[in-house]
C-alpha atoms as a PDB file:
ATOM      1  CA  MET A   1     178.905  97.007 341.680  1.00  0.00           C
ATOM      2  CA  LEU A   2     180.385  94.133 339.726  1.00  0.00           C
ATOM      3  CA  ALA A   3     178.116  92.299 337.287  1.00  0.00           C
ATOM      4  CA  PRO A   4     179.662  89.090 335.923  1.00  0.00           C
ATOM      5  CA  CYS A   5     177.628  88.419 332.788  1.00  0.00           C
ATOM      6  CA  ALA A   6     179.593  86.069 330.569  1.00  0.00           C
ATOM      7  CA  MET A   7     181.828  83.579 332.333  1.00  0.00           C
ATOM      8  CA  GLY A   8     181.202  81.153 335.146  1.00  0.00           C
ATOM      9  CA  ALA A   9     183.702  80.522 337.959  1.00  0.00           C
ATOM     10  CA  ILE A  10     184.928  84.112 337.668  1.00  0.00           C
ATOM     11  CA  LEU A  11     184.668  84.570 341.446  1.00  0.00           C
ATOM     12  CA  ASN A  12     187.480  82.523 342.910  1.00  0.00           C
ATOM     13  CA  ALA A  13     190.429  82.580 345.297  1.00  0.00           C
ATOM     14  CA  GLU A  14     192.496  84.511 342.760  1.00  0.00           C
ATOM     15  CA  SER A  15     189.921  87.152 341.768  1.00  0.00           C
ATOM     16  CA  ILE A  16     188.100  87.844 345.052  1.00  0.00           C
ATOM     17  CA  PRO A  17     190.995  89.684 346.769  1.00  0.00           C
ATOM     18  CA  HIS A  18     191.021  92.158 343.846  1.00  0.00           C
ATOM     19  CA  ILE A  19     187.307  92.991 343.887  1.00  0.00           C
ATOM     20  CA  ARG A  20     186.687  96.579 344.930  1.00  0.00           C
ATOM     21  CA  ALA A  21     182.918  96.496 344.426  1.00  0.00           C
ATOM     22  CA  ARG A  22     180.564  96.323 347.400  1.00  0.00           C
ATOM     23  CA  VAL A  23     177.984  94.240 345.515  1.00  0.00           C
ATOM     24  CA  VAL A  24     178.250  91.395 343.000  1.00  0.00           C
ATOM     25  CA  ALA A  25     175.117  90.660 340.981  1.00  0.00           C
ATOM     26  CA  GLY A  26     175.282  89.443 337.432  1.00  0.00           C
ATOM     27  CA  ALA A  27     173.767  87.236 334.772  1.00  0.00           C
ATOM     28  CA  ALA A  28     176.551  84.671 334.336  1.00  0.00           C
ATOM     29  CA  ASN A  29     175.717  81.185 335.559  1.00  0.00           C
ATOM     30  CA  ASN A  30     177.810  79.533 338.265  1.00  0.00           C
ATOM     31  CA  GLN A  31     179.788  82.649 339.126  1.00  0.00           C
ATOM     32  CA  LEU A  32     181.414  81.066 342.175  1.00  0.00           C
ATOM     33  CA  ALA A  33     184.227  78.653 341.327  1.00  0.00           C
ATOM     34  CA  GLU A  34     183.555  76.858 344.613  1.00  0.00           C
ATOM     35  CA  ALA A  35     180.922  77.225 347.329  1.00  0.00           C
ATOM     36  CA  LYS A  36     183.588  78.488 349.738  1.00  0.00           C
ATOM     37  CA  ASP A  37     184.065  81.521 347.478  1.00  0.00           C
ATOM     38  CA  GLY A  38     180.749  82.852 348.786  1.00  0.00           C
ATOM     39  CA  THR A  39     182.251  82.861 352.266  1.00  0.00           C
ATOM     40  CA  ALA A  40     185.342  84.628 350.910  1.00  0.00           C
ATOM     41  CA  LEU A  41     183.136  87.356 349.397  1.00  0.00           C
ATOM     42  CA  GLN A  42     181.303  87.722 352.708  1.00  0.00           C
ATOM     43  CA  ALA A  43     184.618  88.015 354.580  1.00  0.00           C
ATOM     44  CA  ALA A  44     185.721  90.697 352.089  1.00  0.00           C
ATOM     45  CA  GLY A  45     182.568  92.694 352.817  1.00  0.00           C
ATOM     46  CA  VAL A  46     181.051  92.042 349.375  1.00  0.00           C
ATOM     47  CA  LEU A  47     177.317  91.419 349.132  1.00  0.00           C
ATOM     48  CA  TYR A  48     176.792  88.573 346.671  1.00  0.00           C
ATOM     49  CA  ALA A  49     173.438  88.125 344.924  1.00  0.00           C
ATOM     50  CA  PRO A  50     173.373  84.424 343.954  1.00  0.00           C
ATOM     51  CA  ASP A  51     173.204  84.091 340.186  1.00  0.00           C
ATOM     52  CA  TYR A  52     170.364  81.592 340.050  1.00  0.00           C
ATOM     53  CA  VAL A  53     168.174  83.899 342.125  1.00  0.00           C
ATOM     54  CA  VAL A  54     169.010  86.969 340.045  1.00  0.00           C
ATOM     55  CA  ASN A  55     168.381  84.972 336.862  1.00  0.00           C
ATOM     56  CA  ALA A  56     165.212  83.222 338.031  1.00  0.00           C
ATOM     57  CA  GLY A  57     162.881  85.215 335.751  1.00  0.00           C
ATOM     58  CA  GLY A  58     163.837  83.312 332.637  1.00  0.00           C
ATOM     59  CA  ILE A  59     163.437  79.872 334.157  1.00  0.00           C
ATOM     60  CA  ILE A  60     160.154  80.861 335.814  1.00  0.00           C
ATOM     61  CA  ARG A  61     158.739  81.899 332.443  1.00  0.00           C
ATOM     62  CA  VAL A  62     160.028  78.821 330.632  1.00  0.00           C
ATOM     63  CA  ALA A  63     158.779  76.462 333.365  1.00  0.00           C
ATOM     64  CA  ARG A  64     155.310  78.002 333.317  1.00  0.00           C
ATOM     65  CA  GLU A  65     155.156  77.849 329.515  1.00  0.00           C
ATOM     66  CA  TYR A  66     156.311  74.229 329.518  1.00  0.00           C
ATOM     67  CA  ASN A  67     153.957  73.110 332.302  1.00  0.00           C
ATOM     68  CA  GLY A  68     151.086  75.350 331.214  1.00  0.00           C
ATOM     69  CA  GLY A  69     148.210  76.470 333.367  1.00  0.00           C
ATOM     70  CA  ALA A  70     149.672  79.808 334.471  1.00  0.00           C
ATOM     71  CA  THR A  71     148.316  83.115 333.291  1.00  0.00           C
ATOM     72  CA  GLU A  72     150.563  85.966 332.189  1.00  0.00           C
ATOM     73  CA  ALA A  73     149.609  87.810 335.391  1.00  0.00           C
ATOM     74  CA  GLN A  74     150.636  84.825 337.542  1.00  0.00           C
ATOM     75  CA  VAL A  75     153.992  84.535 335.783  1.00  0.00           C
ATOM     76  CA  THR A  76     154.599  88.267 336.115  1.00  0.00           C
ATOM     77  CA  SER A  77     153.665  88.154 339.796  1.00  0.00           C
ATOM     78  CA  GLU A  78     156.106  85.312 340.400  1.00  0.00           C
ATOM     79  CA  ILE A  79     158.886  87.180 338.608  1.00  0.00           C
ATOM     80  CA  HIS A  80     158.149  90.315 340.621  1.00  0.00           C
ATOM     81  CA  GLY A  81     158.779  88.211 343.741  1.00  0.00           C
ATOM     82  CA  ILE A  82     162.483  87.859 342.924  1.00  0.00           C
ATOM     83  CA  PRO A  83     163.571  91.075 344.727  1.00  0.00           C
ATOM     84  CA  GLY A  84     161.723  89.963 347.855  1.00  0.00           C
ATOM     85  CA  ARG A  85     163.453  86.580 347.767  1.00  0.00           C
ATOM     86  CA  LEU A  86     166.818  88.312 347.403  1.00  0.00           C
ATOM     87  CA  MET A  87     166.059  90.517 350.399  1.00  0.00           C
ATOM     88  CA  GLU A  88     165.091  87.428 352.409  1.00  0.00           C
ATOM     89  CA  ILE A  89     168.398  85.799 351.465  1.00  0.00           C
ATOM     90  CA  PHE A  90     170.358  88.916 352.414  1.00  0.00           C
ATOM     91  CA  GLU A  91     168.525  89.259 355.737  1.00  0.00           C
ATOM     92  CA  ARG A  92     168.890  85.592 356.678  1.00  0.00           C
ATOM     93  CA  ALA A  93     172.570  85.664 355.760  1.00  0.00           C
ATOM     94  CA  ARG A  94     173.115  88.760 357.902  1.00  0.00           C
ATOM     95  CA  ARG A  95     171.107  87.389 360.823  1.00  0.00           C
ATOM     96  CA  GLU A  96     172.757  83.950 360.712  1.00  0.00           C
ATOM     97  CA  GLY A  97     176.274  85.177 359.849  1.00  0.00           C
ATOM     98  CA  ARG A  98     176.315  82.963 356.754  1.00  0.00           C
ATOM     99  CA  ALA A  99     177.254  83.522 353.137  1.00  0.00           C
ATOM    100  CA  THR A 100     174.382  84.418 350.811  1.00  0.00           C
ATOM    101  CA  ASN A 101     175.074  81.465 348.506  1.00  0.00           C
ATOM    102  CA  ALA A 102     174.783  79.041 351.439  1.00  0.00           C
ATOM    103  CA  VAL A 103     171.481  80.595 352.516  1.00  0.00           C
ATOM    104  CA  ALA A 104     170.129  80.586 348.951  1.00  0.00           C
ATOM    105  CA  ASP A 105     171.114  76.936 348.506  1.00  0.00           C
ATOM    106  CA  GLN A 106     169.384  76.016 351.763  1.00  0.00           C
ATOM    107  CA  MET A 107     166.242  77.926 350.775  1.00  0.00           C
ATOM    108  CA  ALA A 108     166.231  76.163 347.395  1.00  0.00           C
ATOM    109  CA  ARG A 109     166.523  72.751 349.062  1.00  0.00           C
ATOM    110  CA  GLU A 110     163.664  73.672 351.414  1.00  0.00           C
ATOM    111  CA  ARG A 111     161.436  74.723 348.488  1.00  0.00           C
ATOM    112  CA  ILE A 112     162.255  71.566 346.554  1.00  0.00           C
ATOM    113  CA  GLY A 113     161.524  69.473 349.636  1.00  0.00           C
ATOM    114  CA  ARG A 114     158.129  71.130 350.129  1.00  0.00           C
ATOM    115  CA  ALA A 115     157.274  70.638 346.459  1.00  0.00           C
ATOM    116  CA  ALA A 116     158.280  66.963 346.595  1.00  0.00           C
ATOM    117  CA  THR A 117     156.153  66.456 349.705  1.00  0.00           C
ATOM    118  CA  ARG A 118     153.135  67.950 347.919  1.00  0.00           C
ATOM    119  CA  LEU A 119     153.679  65.614 344.961  1.00  0.00           C
ATOM    120  CA  VAL A 120     153.771  62.566 347.199  1.00  0.00           C
ATOM    121  CA  ALA A 121     150.768  63.605 349.287  1.00  0.00           C
END
């Protein structure tokens, strides 16, 4: 396993051919230099856990504190949902033959779209 935890854009055309790990999951933001690097990881047989999904716990907590109205149990429950979301991303990517970053981005756009629709309604 490779866990990029400090620098963004560390996964790129130069570094990906040298990765010997089967999984990449780390805390650094924006680990992919370009979106196409997710496809390169997939082609190399590397399972990539998108950084903003792996790191969602912090932003969930901050968003709930900022917006208020959520109990500690609700925040904890939401954070405990992160592994399930990752598994959904991995499964969809496998089923659709797509890179995990592309699936995660699509899922994020879908969630944002549903939230925007609720705000307008």
